[in-house]
């Protein structure tokens, strides 16, 4: 796989992961509620203006990096022929996807626990991040199994 092919597949899976979040009604509802909760928590708690925001709290946004990592695994280990009857699944790759999802969940819960005084903001941000990461996991899983919807 050359670099241009990787980036075209990466961009396509990246958009598909976001499209899963927007296209499915129940996931879209959870996504919208988490955005509304995030906006309400910003207005209510004023995390940036009351002096509660510590410098290292910015690391909570690094959790968004799990999304492209999961997508990259889906591109690198995609099934060569999606029309093959039973494509061979690489269990290590599937396990890696689940470990990344679990690590993102654990790091999000760590930040909810760590951000005292801003836990509502952290929880809404965690839910938003996990919904996006779920979309990436969904399309990456389809990519490595070859079982497309």
N, C-alpha and C. Protein backbone atom coordinates (compact mmCIF):
# COMPACT_ATOMS: atom_id res chain seq x y z
N UNK A 1 0.85 -1.17 0.00
CA UNK A 1 0.00 0.00 0.00
C UNK A 1 0.90 1.23 0.00
N UNK A 2 0.68 2.10 -0.97
CA UNK A 2 1.49 3.33 -1.01
C UNK A 2 0.80 4.42 -0.19
N UNK A 3 1.49 5.52 -0.01
CA UNK A 3 1.00 6.58 0.88
C UNK A 3 -0.28 7.22 0.37
N UNK A 4 -0.40 7.44 -0.92
CA UNK A 4 -1.61 8.09 -1.43
C UNK A 4 -2.82 7.18 -1.27
N UNK A 5 -2.62 5.88 -1.45
CA UNK A 5 -3.72 4.93 -1.25
C UNK A 5 -4.12 4.88 0.23
N UNK A 6 -3.12 4.89 1.12
CA UNK A 6 -3.41 4.89 2.56
C UNK A 6 -4.24 6.11 2.94
N UNK A 7 -3.82 7.31 2.47
CA UNK A 7 -4.52 8.52 2.88
C UNK A 7 -5.91 8.62 2.27
N UNK A 8 -6.09 8.10 1.06
CA UNK A 8 -7.45 8.13 0.49
C UNK A 8 -8.36 7.18 1.26
N UNK A 9 -7.85 5.99 1.61
CA UNK A 9 -8.65 5.06 2.42
C UNK A 9 -8.86 5.60 3.83
N UNK A 10 -7.85 6.23 4.38
CA UNK A 10 -7.97 6.81 5.72
C UNK A 10 -9.05 7.89 5.74
N UNK A 11 -9.01 8.77 4.76
CA UNK A 11 -10.01 9.84 4.71
C UNK A 11 -11.40 9.25 4.52
N UNK A 12 -11.53 8.23 3.67
CA UNK A 12 -12.83 7.63 3.44
C UNK A 12 -13.38 6.98 4.70
N UNK A 13 -12.54 6.21 5.43
CA UNK A 13 -13.00 5.60 6.67
C UNK A 13 -13.25 6.64 7.75
N UNK A 14 -12.46 7.71 7.77
CA UNK A 14 -12.65 8.78 8.73
C UNK A 14 -14.04 9.40 8.57
N UNK A 15 -14.41 9.69 7.33
CA UNK A 15 -15.72 10.28 7.05
C UNK A 15 -16.83 9.27 7.33
N UNK A 16 -16.59 8.00 7.03
CA UNK A 16 -17.60 6.98 7.30
C UNK A 16 -17.85 6.84 8.80
N UNK A 17 -16.80 6.95 9.60
CA UNK A 17 -16.97 6.90 11.05
C UNK A 17 -17.80 8.04 11.58
N UNK A 18 -17.61 9.22 11.02
CA UNK A 18 -18.43 10.36 11.42
C UNK A 18 -19.85 10.22 10.89
N UNK A 19 -19.98 9.63 9.71
CA UNK A 19 -21.30 9.45 9.13
C UNK A 19 -22.14 8.46 9.92
N UNK A 20 -21.51 7.44 10.50
CA UNK A 20 -22.22 6.48 11.35
C UNK A 20 -22.84 7.21 12.53
N UNK A 21 -22.11 8.16 13.09
CA UNK A 21 -22.60 8.91 14.25
C UNK A 21 -23.81 9.77 13.87
N UNK A 22 -23.78 10.32 12.67
CA UNK A 22 -24.84 11.22 12.25
C UNK A 22 -26.02 10.46 11.63
N UNK A 23 -25.75 9.31 11.00
CA UNK A 23 -26.78 8.62 10.24
C UNK A 23 -27.71 7.77 11.11
N UNK A 24 -27.20 7.14 12.13
CA UNK A 24 -28.04 6.27 12.96
C UNK A 24 -28.80 7.11 13.98
N UNK A 25 -30.13 6.97 14.02
CA UNK A 25 -30.96 7.88 14.84
C UNK A 25 -30.64 7.85 16.34
N UNK A 26 -30.46 6.68 16.92
CA UNK A 26 -30.22 6.63 18.37
C UNK A 26 -28.84 7.17 18.73
N UNK A 27 -27.87 6.89 17.90
CA UNK A 27 -26.53 7.41 18.15
C UNK A 27 -26.52 8.92 17.92
N UNK A 28 -27.24 9.38 16.89
CA UNK A 28 -27.34 10.82 16.63
C UNK A 28 -27.99 11.53 17.81
N UNK A 29 -29.04 10.91 18.41
CA UNK A 29 -29.70 11.51 19.56
C UNK A 29 -28.73 11.61 20.74
N UNK A 30 -27.98 10.54 21.00
CA UNK A 30 -27.00 10.58 22.10
C UNK A 30 -25.93 11.61 21.82
N UNK A 31 -25.51 11.73 20.55
CA UNK A 31 -24.50 12.72 20.16
C UNK A 31 -25.02 14.14 20.41
N UNK A 32 -26.25 14.40 19.98
CA UNK A 32 -26.83 15.73 20.18
C UNK A 32 -27.03 16.05 21.66
N UNK A 33 -27.47 15.06 22.43
CA UNK A 33 -27.64 15.29 23.87
C UNK A 33 -26.30 15.56 24.55
N UNK A 34 -25.25 14.89 24.11
CA UNK A 34 -23.94 15.16 24.71
C UNK A 34 -23.43 16.54 24.33
N UNK A 35 -23.71 16.98 23.11
CA UNK A 35 -23.32 18.35 22.72
C UNK A 35 -24.11 19.37 23.53
N UNK A 36 -25.40 19.14 23.68
CA UNK A 36 -26.22 20.06 24.48
C UNK A 36 -25.73 20.06 25.93
N UNK A 37 -25.45 18.88 26.48
CA UNK A 37 -24.92 18.80 27.84
C UNK A 37 -23.59 19.50 27.98
N UNK A 38 -22.74 19.39 26.97
CA UNK A 38 -21.44 20.07 26.99
C UNK A 38 -21.63 21.59 26.97
N UNK A 39 -22.52 22.07 26.13
CA UNK A 39 -22.77 23.52 26.07
C UNK A 39 -23.38 24.04 27.36
N UNK A 40 -24.32 23.27 27.93
CA UNK A 40 -24.93 23.68 29.21
C UNK A 40 -23.88 23.68 30.31
N UNK A 41 -23.02 22.66 30.32
CA UNK A 41 -21.99 22.62 31.37
C UNK A 41 -20.97 23.75 31.21
N UNK A 42 -20.68 24.14 29.98
CA UNK A 42 -19.78 25.28 29.78
C UNK A 42 -20.44 26.55 30.28
N UNK A 43 -21.72 26.73 29.99
CA UNK A 43 -22.43 27.93 30.45
C UNK A 43 -22.63 27.91 31.97
N UNK A 44 -22.91 26.76 32.53
CA UNK A 44 -23.23 26.66 33.95
C UNK A 44 -21.97 26.68 34.80
N UNK A 45 -20.97 25.90 34.45
CA UNK A 45 -19.78 25.79 35.28
C UNK A 45 -18.71 26.81 34.93
N UNK A 46 -18.75 27.37 33.73
CA UNK A 46 -17.77 28.34 33.27
C UNK A 46 -16.35 27.86 33.56
N UNK A 47 -15.96 26.73 32.94
CA UNK A 47 -14.69 26.11 33.31
C UNK A 47 -13.46 26.96 32.98
N UNK A 48 -13.56 27.83 32.01
CA UNK A 48 -12.39 28.59 31.59
C UNK A 48 -12.29 29.95 32.29
N UNK A 49 -13.37 30.38 32.91
CA UNK A 49 -13.37 31.72 33.49
C UNK A 49 -13.30 31.78 35.00
N UNK A 50 -13.66 30.72 35.69
CA UNK A 50 -13.70 30.76 37.16
C UNK A 50 -12.40 30.38 37.82
N UNK A 51 -11.42 30.07 37.06
CA UNK A 51 -10.14 29.68 37.64
C UNK A 51 -10.07 28.21 38.03
N UNK A 52 -11.07 27.42 37.66
CA UNK A 52 -11.05 25.99 37.96
C UNK A 52 -10.20 25.20 36.97
N UNK A 53 -10.01 25.77 35.78
CA UNK A 53 -9.28 25.07 34.73
C UNK A 53 -7.79 25.10 35.04
N UNK A 54 -7.23 23.92 35.21
CA UNK A 54 -5.79 23.82 35.44
C UNK A 54 -5.12 23.54 34.10
N UNK A 55 -3.86 23.84 34.02
CA UNK A 55 -3.13 23.74 32.76
C UNK A 55 -3.14 22.31 32.21
N UNK A 56 -3.02 21.32 33.07
CA UNK A 56 -2.95 19.94 32.60
C UNK A 56 -4.31 19.38 32.21
N UNK A 57 -5.41 20.08 32.49
CA UNK A 57 -6.73 19.63 32.04
C UNK A 57 -6.85 19.63 30.52
N UNK A 58 -6.00 20.34 29.85
CA UNK A 58 -6.05 20.37 28.39
C UNK A 58 -5.72 19.01 27.78
N UNK A 59 -5.09 18.15 28.56
CA UNK A 59 -4.77 16.81 28.07
C UNK A 59 -6.02 15.97 27.85
N UNK A 60 -7.17 16.39 28.37
CA UNK A 60 -8.40 15.65 28.14
C UNK A 60 -8.77 15.65 26.65
N UNK A 61 -8.34 16.66 25.92
CA UNK A 61 -8.65 16.72 24.50
C UNK A 61 -7.74 15.80 23.68
N UNK A 62 -6.68 15.29 24.28
CA UNK A 62 -5.81 14.34 23.58
C UNK A 62 -6.53 13.02 23.33
N UNK A 63 -7.61 12.80 24.04
CA UNK A 63 -8.37 11.58 23.84
C UNK A 63 -8.99 11.51 22.44
N UNK A 64 -9.15 12.63 21.79
CA UNK A 64 -9.64 12.63 20.41
C UNK A 64 -8.65 11.94 19.47
N UNK A 65 -7.41 11.73 19.90
CA UNK A 65 -6.41 11.06 19.06
C UNK A 65 -6.68 9.56 18.92
N UNK A 66 -7.54 9.01 19.78
CA UNK A 66 -7.89 7.60 19.63
C UNK A 66 -8.66 7.38 18.33
N UNK A 67 -9.41 8.37 17.88
CA UNK A 67 -10.20 8.24 16.65
C UNK A 67 -9.31 7.96 15.44
N UNK A 68 -8.32 8.80 15.14
CA UNK A 68 -7.49 8.48 13.97
C UNK A 68 -6.63 7.23 14.17
N UNK A 69 -6.29 6.89 15.40
CA UNK A 69 -5.51 5.66 15.63
C UNK A 69 -6.34 4.43 15.27
N UNK A 70 -7.59 4.42 15.65
CA UNK A 70 -8.47 3.29 15.33
C UNK A 70 -8.71 3.24 13.83
N UNK A 71 -8.91 4.39 13.20
CA UNK A 71 -9.13 4.43 11.75
C UNK A 71 -7.88 3.92 11.03
N UNK A 72 -6.70 4.31 11.48
CA UNK A 72 -5.46 3.86 10.84
C UNK A 72 -5.31 2.35 10.92
N UNK A 73 -5.70 1.74 12.02
CA UNK A 73 -5.65 0.29 12.13
C UNK A 73 -6.63 -0.34 11.15
N UNK A 74 -7.80 0.27 11.01
CA UNK A 74 -8.77 -0.23 10.05
C UNK A 74 -8.29 -0.15 8.62
N UNK A 75 -7.49 0.86 8.30
CA UNK A 75 -6.96 1.00 6.95
C UNK A 75 -5.80 0.04 6.73
N UNK A 76 -4.90 -0.05 7.68
CA UNK A 76 -3.71 -0.89 7.50
C UNK A 76 -4.03 -2.38 7.44
N UNK A 77 -5.03 -2.82 8.16
CA UNK A 77 -5.33 -4.24 8.24
C UNK A 77 -6.68 -4.58 7.63
N UNK A 78 -7.09 -3.83 6.64
CA UNK A 78 -8.38 -4.10 6.01
C UNK A 78 -8.31 -5.40 5.23
N UNK A 79 -9.47 -5.98 5.05
CA UNK A 79 -9.56 -7.22 4.29
C UNK A 79 -9.31 -6.91 2.83
N UNK A 80 -8.46 -7.71 2.20
CA UNK A 80 -8.09 -7.47 0.81
C UNK A 80 -9.25 -7.62 -0.16
N UNK A 81 -10.08 -8.62 0.01
CA UNK A 81 -11.19 -8.86 -0.90
C UNK A 81 -12.47 -8.91 -0.09
N UNK A 82 -13.27 -7.84 -0.11
CA UNK A 82 -14.49 -7.84 0.71
C UNK A 82 -15.55 -8.81 0.19
N UNK A 83 -15.39 -9.32 -1.04
CA UNK A 83 -16.38 -10.23 -1.59
C UNK A 83 -16.02 -11.69 -1.36
N UNK A 84 -14.91 -11.92 -0.70
CA UNK A 84 -14.50 -13.27 -0.35
C UNK A 84 -15.52 -13.83 0.64
N UNK A 85 -15.80 -15.10 0.54
CA UNK A 85 -16.85 -15.69 1.35
C UNK A 85 -16.60 -15.56 2.84
N UNK A 86 -15.52 -16.07 3.31
CA UNK A 86 -15.18 -15.97 4.72
C UNK A 86 -13.76 -15.42 4.83
N UNK A 87 -13.61 -14.11 4.88
CA UNK A 87 -12.26 -13.57 4.98
C UNK A 87 -11.62 -13.98 6.31
N UNK A 88 -10.33 -14.18 6.25
CA UNK A 88 -9.60 -14.58 7.45
C UNK A 88 -9.42 -13.36 8.34
N UNK A 89 -9.84 -13.49 9.57
CA UNK A 89 -9.77 -12.39 10.53
C UNK A 89 -8.49 -12.51 11.34
N UNK A 90 -7.81 -11.40 11.50
CA UNK A 90 -6.61 -11.36 12.32
C UNK A 90 -7.04 -11.05 13.75
N UNK A 91 -6.99 -12.02 14.66
CA UNK A 91 -7.49 -11.78 16.02
C UNK A 91 -6.67 -10.74 16.78
N UNK A 92 -5.38 -10.61 16.46
CA UNK A 92 -4.56 -9.62 17.15
C UNK A 92 -5.03 -8.20 16.80
N UNK A 93 -5.40 -7.98 15.56
CA UNK A 93 -5.87 -6.66 15.14
C UNK A 93 -7.20 -6.35 15.80
N UNK A 94 -8.10 -7.33 15.84
CA UNK A 94 -9.38 -7.11 16.49
C UNK A 94 -9.18 -6.82 17.98
N UNK A 95 -8.29 -7.55 18.60
CA UNK A 95 -7.98 -7.34 20.00
C UNK A 95 -7.40 -5.95 20.22
N UNK A 96 -6.54 -5.50 19.29
CA UNK A 96 -5.94 -4.17 19.39
C UNK A 96 -7.01 -3.09 19.33
N UNK A 97 -7.99 -3.26 18.46
CA UNK A 97 -9.08 -2.27 18.39
C UNK A 97 -9.84 -2.20 19.71
N UNK A 98 -10.13 -3.35 20.28
CA UNK A 98 -10.86 -3.36 21.55
C UNK A 98 -10.03 -2.80 22.70
N UNK A 99 -8.73 -3.05 22.67
CA UNK A 99 -7.86 -2.48 23.71
C UNK A 99 -7.82 -0.95 23.58
N UNK A 100 -7.73 -0.45 22.35
CA UNK A 100 -7.75 1.01 22.17
C UNK A 100 -9.07 1.61 22.65
N UNK A 101 -10.18 0.95 22.36
CA UNK A 101 -11.47 1.44 22.84
C UNK A 101 -11.52 1.42 24.36
N UNK A 102 -11.04 0.34 24.97
CA UNK A 102 -11.01 0.26 26.44
C UNK A 102 -10.10 1.31 27.06
N UNK A 103 -8.94 1.54 26.43
CA UNK A 103 -8.03 2.57 26.95
C UNK A 103 -8.65 3.96 26.85
N UNK A 104 -9.38 4.20 25.76
CA UNK A 104 -10.03 5.51 25.64
C UNK A 104 -11.11 5.68 26.71
N UNK A 105 -11.82 4.60 26.99
CA UNK A 105 -12.84 4.66 28.04
C UNK A 105 -12.21 4.87 29.41
N UNK A 106 -11.13 4.15 29.69
CA UNK A 106 -10.45 4.30 30.98
C UNK A 106 -9.83 5.68 31.15
N UNK A 107 -9.22 6.20 30.09
CA UNK A 107 -8.63 7.53 30.21
C UNK A 107 -9.72 8.59 30.37
N UNK A 108 -10.85 8.39 29.71
CA UNK A 108 -11.96 9.33 29.91
C UNK A 108 -12.49 9.30 31.33
N UNK A 109 -12.63 8.10 31.88
CA UNK A 109 -13.08 7.99 33.27
C UNK A 109 -12.06 8.58 34.23
N UNK A 110 -10.78 8.44 33.92
CA UNK A 110 -9.74 9.06 34.73
C UNK A 110 -9.92 10.57 34.75
N UNK A 111 -10.19 11.16 33.58
CA UNK A 111 -10.34 12.61 33.53
C UNK A 111 -11.61 13.08 34.22
N UNK A 112 -12.66 12.28 34.17
CA UNK A 112 -13.88 12.64 34.92
C UNK A 112 -13.56 12.64 36.41
N UNK A 113 -12.82 11.66 36.88
CA UNK A 113 -12.44 11.62 38.28
C UNK A 113 -11.48 12.75 38.64
N UNK A 114 -10.56 13.05 37.76
CA UNK A 114 -9.48 14.01 38.04
C UNK A 114 -9.95 15.47 38.02
N UNK A 115 -10.92 15.78 37.19
CA UNK A 115 -11.33 17.18 37.01
C UNK A 115 -12.37 17.58 38.07
N UNK A 116 -11.92 17.77 39.27
CA UNK A 116 -12.80 18.17 40.36
C UNK A 116 -13.36 19.57 40.09
N UNK A 117 -14.64 19.71 40.32
CA UNK A 117 -15.31 20.98 40.08
C UNK A 117 -15.79 21.13 38.65
N UNK A 118 -15.31 20.29 37.76
CA UNK A 118 -15.71 20.34 36.35
C UNK A 118 -16.15 18.96 35.87
N UNK A 119 -16.68 18.16 36.76
CA UNK A 119 -16.99 16.78 36.39
C UNK A 119 -18.15 16.71 35.39
N UNK A 120 -19.11 17.59 35.48
CA UNK A 120 -20.21 17.58 34.51
C UNK A 120 -19.66 17.87 33.11
N UNK A 121 -18.79 18.84 33.01
CA UNK A 121 -18.13 19.17 31.75
C UNK A 121 -17.32 17.97 31.25
N UNK A 122 -16.54 17.35 32.13
CA UNK A 122 -15.71 16.22 31.75
C UNK A 122 -16.56 15.03 31.33
N UNK A 123 -17.67 14.78 32.01
CA UNK A 123 -18.53 13.66 31.66
C UNK A 123 -19.18 13.87 30.29
N UNK A 124 -19.66 15.06 30.02
CA UNK A 124 -20.26 15.35 28.71
C UNK A 124 -19.22 15.25 27.60
N UNK A 125 -18.02 15.70 27.87
CA UNK A 125 -16.95 15.59 26.89
C UNK A 125 -16.57 14.13 26.68
N UNK A 126 -16.54 13.34 27.76
CA UNK A 126 -16.24 11.91 27.65
C UNK A 126 -17.29 11.20 26.80
N UNK A 127 -18.56 11.49 27.02
CA UNK A 127 -19.62 10.84 26.24
C UNK A 127 -19.49 11.22 24.77
N UNK A 128 -19.23 12.48 24.50
CA UNK A 128 -19.05 12.93 23.12
C UNK A 128 -17.87 12.21 22.46
N UNK A 129 -16.76 12.12 23.15
CA UNK A 129 -15.58 11.46 22.61
C UNK A 129 -15.83 9.97 22.39
N UNK A 130 -16.52 9.33 23.32
CA UNK A 130 -16.76 7.90 23.19
C UNK A 130 -17.73 7.58 22.06
N UNK A 131 -18.67 8.46 21.80
CA UNK A 131 -19.58 8.25 20.67
C UNK A 131 -18.80 8.33 19.37
N UNK A 132 -17.92 9.31 19.25
CA UNK A 132 -17.10 9.42 18.04
C UNK A 132 -16.16 8.22 17.90
N UNK A 133 -15.57 7.79 18.99
CA UNK A 133 -14.66 6.65 18.95
C UNK A 133 -15.44 5.37 18.62
N UNK A 134 -16.68 5.27 19.08
CA UNK A 134 -17.50 4.12 18.72
C UNK A 134 -17.75 4.07 17.21
N UNK A 135 -17.98 5.23 16.59
CA UNK A 135 -18.14 5.27 15.14
C UNK A 135 -16.89 4.81 14.42
N UNK A 136 -15.73 5.22 14.91
CA UNK A 136 -14.47 4.78 14.32
C UNK A 136 -14.27 3.29 14.51
N UNK A 137 -14.60 2.79 15.69
CA UNK A 137 -14.47 1.37 15.96
C UNK A 137 -15.40 0.56 15.06
N UNK A 138 -16.58 1.05 14.83
CA UNK A 138 -17.56 0.37 14.00
C UNK A 138 -17.06 0.20 12.57
N UNK A 139 -16.56 1.29 11.96
CA UNK A 139 -16.10 1.18 10.57
C UNK A 139 -14.76 0.44 10.49
N UNK A 140 -13.91 0.57 11.49
CA UNK A 140 -12.64 -0.17 11.47
C UNK A 140 -12.90 -1.66 11.61
N UNK A 141 -13.86 -2.03 12.42
CA UNK A 141 -14.23 -3.43 12.57
C UNK A 141 -14.79 -3.99 11.26
N UNK A 142 -15.61 -3.20 10.59
CA UNK A 142 -16.12 -3.64 9.28
C UNK A 142 -14.99 -3.76 8.28
N UNK A 143 -14.01 -2.89 8.37
CA UNK A 143 -12.89 -2.92 7.44
C UNK A 143 -12.02 -4.15 7.63
N UNK A 144 -11.75 -4.53 8.86
CA UNK A 144 -10.87 -5.67 9.07
C UNK A 144 -11.59 -7.00 8.91
N UNK A 145 -12.91 -7.03 9.07
CA UNK A 145 -13.64 -8.29 8.90
C UNK A 145 -14.14 -8.44 7.46
N UNK A 146 -14.30 -7.33 6.75
CA UNK A 146 -14.84 -7.38 5.39
C UNK A 146 -16.34 -7.53 5.37
N UNK A 147 -16.99 -7.37 6.52
CA UNK A 147 -18.43 -7.52 6.63
C UNK A 147 -19.08 -6.14 6.66
N UNK A 148 -19.30 -5.57 5.48
CA UNK A 148 -19.82 -4.22 5.35
C UNK A 148 -21.33 -4.23 5.38
N UNK A 149 -21.90 -3.19 5.94
CA UNK A 149 -23.37 -3.05 5.91
C UNK A 149 -23.87 -2.63 4.57
